Amino acid sequence: MKCSSSTVAFMRACCDREVDAVYITVTEEAEHLPGPVISVPVAVPENMEGEVVLDFKYGRLIGIEVLGASITLPDDLLMSL
């Protein structure tokens, strides 16, 4: 895959250390889109202990929830949150 890098204008991540979860909001328009949030669990490898859930609203990806974040995400990302 050929990719070009660019800076993302809006992306927000929040970490809840008590429940070991990170939520990444990928668009600020999510609050303005009509309809309910549809959460779709992602199939992860058997040896992976965490969970990943994609949130969609009006057919658009609005967020990514990572449960078991401390074992799923890189340490440098978690330390920056």
C-alpha atoms as a PDB file:
ATOM      1  CA  MET A   1       0.000   0.000   0.000  1.00  0.00           C
ATOM      2  CA  LYS A   2       1.294   3.458  -0.857  1.00  0.00           C
ATOM      3  CA  CYS A   3       0.508   6.000   1.807  1.00  0.00           C
ATOM      4  CA  SER A   4       1.173   9.654   2.184  1.00  0.00           C
ATOM      5  CA  SER A   5       1.437  11.232   5.600  1.00  0.00           C
ATOM      6  CA  SER A   6      -0.600  14.172   6.727  1.00  0.00           C
ATOM      7  CA  THR A   7      -1.518  15.862   9.957  1.00  0.00           C
ATOM      8  CA  VAL A   8      -5.034  15.095  11.107  1.00  0.00           C
ATOM      9  CA  ALA A   9      -6.995  18.221  11.944  1.00  0.00           C
ATOM     10  CA  PHE A  10      -9.131  16.541  14.589  1.00  0.00           C
ATOM     11  CA  MET A  11      -8.550  13.414  16.565  1.00  0.00           C
ATOM     12  CA  ARG A  12      -8.966  13.061  20.307  1.00  0.00           C
ATOM     13  CA  ALA A  13      -8.087  10.202  22.643  1.00  0.00           C
ATOM     14  CA  CYS A  14      -9.057   9.781  26.255  1.00  0.00           C
ATOM     15  CA  CYS A  15      -7.881   7.146  28.679  1.00  0.00           C
ATOM     16  CA  ASP A  16      -9.814   5.720  31.628  1.00  0.00           C
ATOM     17  CA  ARG A  17      -7.167   3.914  33.649  1.00  0.00           C
ATOM     18  CA  GLU A  18      -9.688   2.544  36.162  1.00  0.00           C
ATOM     19  CA  VAL A  19     -11.361   0.404  33.508  1.00  0.00           C
ATOM     20  CA  ASP A  20      -8.221   0.086  31.328  1.00  0.00           C
ATOM     21  CA  ALA A  21      -9.862   1.609  28.251  1.00  0.00           C
ATOM     22  CA  VAL A  22      -8.978   4.187  25.617  1.00  0.00           C
ATOM     23  CA  TYR A  23     -11.506   5.891  23.363  1.00  0.00           C
ATOM     24  CA  ILE A  24     -10.295   7.540  20.174  1.00  0.00           C
ATOM     25  CA  THR A  25     -12.708  10.022  18.610  1.00  0.00           C
ATOM     26  CA  VAL A  26     -11.880  10.370  14.933  1.00  0.00           C
ATOM     27  CA  THR A  27     -14.236  13.201  13.962  1.00  0.00           C
ATOM     28  CA  GLU A  28     -15.805  16.130  15.697  1.00  0.00           C
ATOM     29  CA  GLU A  29     -18.862  15.943  13.444  1.00  0.00           C
ATOM     30  CA  ALA A  30     -20.094  12.884  15.384  1.00  0.00           C
ATOM     31  CA  GLU A  31     -22.060  15.058  17.782  1.00  0.00           C
ATOM     32  CA  HIS A  32     -23.950  16.606  14.859  1.00  0.00           C
ATOM     33  CA  LEU A  33     -24.747  13.437  12.929  1.00  0.00           C
ATOM     34  CA  PRO A  34     -28.289  12.100  13.335  1.00  0.00           C
ATOM     35  CA  GLY A  35     -29.136   8.651  14.605  1.00  0.00           C
ATOM     36  CA  PRO A  36     -27.857   6.229  17.219  1.00  0.00           C
ATOM     37  CA  VAL A  37     -24.288   5.009  17.645  1.00  0.00           C
ATOM     38  CA  ILE A  38     -23.794   1.487  16.289  1.00  0.00           C
ATOM     39  CA  SER A  39     -20.973  -0.392  18.046  1.00  0.00           C
ATOM     40  CA  VAL A  40     -19.272  -3.217  16.145  1.00  0.00           C
ATOM     41  CA  PRO A  41     -16.806  -5.511  17.938  1.00  0.00           C
ATOM     42  CA  VAL A  42     -13.710  -6.337  15.882  1.00  0.00           C
ATOM     43  CA  ALA A  43     -12.466  -9.917  15.697  1.00  0.00           C
ATOM     44  CA  VAL A  44      -9.024 -10.010  17.303  1.00  0.00           C
ATOM     45  CA  PRO A  45      -6.440 -12.810  17.282  1.00  0.00           C
ATOM     46  CA  GLU A  46      -7.003 -15.589  19.822  1.00  0.00           C
ATOM     47  CA  ASN A  47      -3.823 -14.722  21.710  1.00  0.00           C
ATOM     48  CA  MET A  48      -4.907 -11.071  22.150  1.00  0.00           C
ATOM     49  CA  GLU A  49      -6.500 -10.324  25.502  1.00  0.00           C
ATOM     50  CA  GLY A  50      -7.950  -6.895  24.739  1.00  0.00           C
ATOM     51  CA  GLU A  51     -10.980  -5.905  22.711  1.00  0.00           C
ATOM     52  CA  VAL A  52     -11.519  -3.348  19.958  1.00  0.00           C
ATOM     53  CA  VAL A  53     -14.902  -1.842  19.157  1.00  0.00           C
ATOM     54  CA  LEU A  54     -15.647   0.452  16.213  1.00  0.00           C
ATOM     55  CA  ASP A  55     -18.405   3.025  16.670  1.00  0.00           C
ATOM     56  CA  PHE A  56     -20.398   4.215  13.675  1.00  0.00           C
ATOM     57  CA  LYS A  57     -23.038   6.898  13.413  1.00  0.00           C
ATOM     58  CA  TYR A  58     -25.063   7.486  10.256  1.00  0.00           C
ATOM     59  CA  GLY A  59     -22.771   5.127   8.393  1.00  0.00           C
ATOM     60  CA  ARG A  60     -19.545   6.905   9.341  1.00  0.00           C
ATOM     61  CA  LEU A  61     -16.779   5.779  11.665  1.00  0.00           C
ATOM     62  CA  ILE A  62     -16.772   8.142  14.634  1.00  0.00           C
ATOM     63  CA  GLY A  63     -14.675   6.363  17.242  1.00  0.00           C
ATOM     64  CA  ILE A  64     -12.558   3.418  18.284  1.00  0.00           C
ATOM     65  CA  GLU A  65     -12.764   1.914  21.765  1.00  0.00           C
ATOM     66  CA  VAL A  66      -9.884  -0.204  23.031  1.00  0.00           C
ATOM     67  CA  LEU A  67     -10.597  -2.338  26.101  1.00  0.00           C
ATOM     68  CA  GLY A  68      -7.596  -3.851  27.832  1.00  0.00           C
ATOM     69  CA  ALA A  69      -5.631  -0.855  26.598  1.00  0.00           C
ATOM     70  CA  SER A  70      -2.598  -1.501  28.802  1.00  0.00           C
ATOM     71  CA  ILE A  71      -1.936  -4.814  27.030  1.00  0.00           C
ATOM     72  CA  THR A  72      -3.174  -3.806  23.569  1.00  0.00           C
ATOM     73  CA  LEU A  73      -1.744  -0.352  22.873  1.00  0.00           C
ATOM     74  CA  PRO A  74       1.909   0.724  22.748  1.00  0.00           C
ATOM     75  CA  ASP A  75       3.305   2.086  26.016  1.00  0.00           C
ATOM     76  CA  ASP A  76       4.389   5.409  24.465  1.00  0.00           C
ATOM     77  CA  LEU A  77       0.817   6.092  23.349  1.00  0.00           C
ATOM     78  CA  LEU A  78      -0.615   5.303  26.783  1.00  0.00           C
ATOM     79  CA  MET A  79       1.975   7.471  28.518  1.00  0.00           C
ATOM     80  CA  SER A  80       1.039  10.419  26.290  1.00  0.00           C
ATOM     81  CA  LEU A  81      -2.616  10.268  27.375  1.00  0.00           C
END
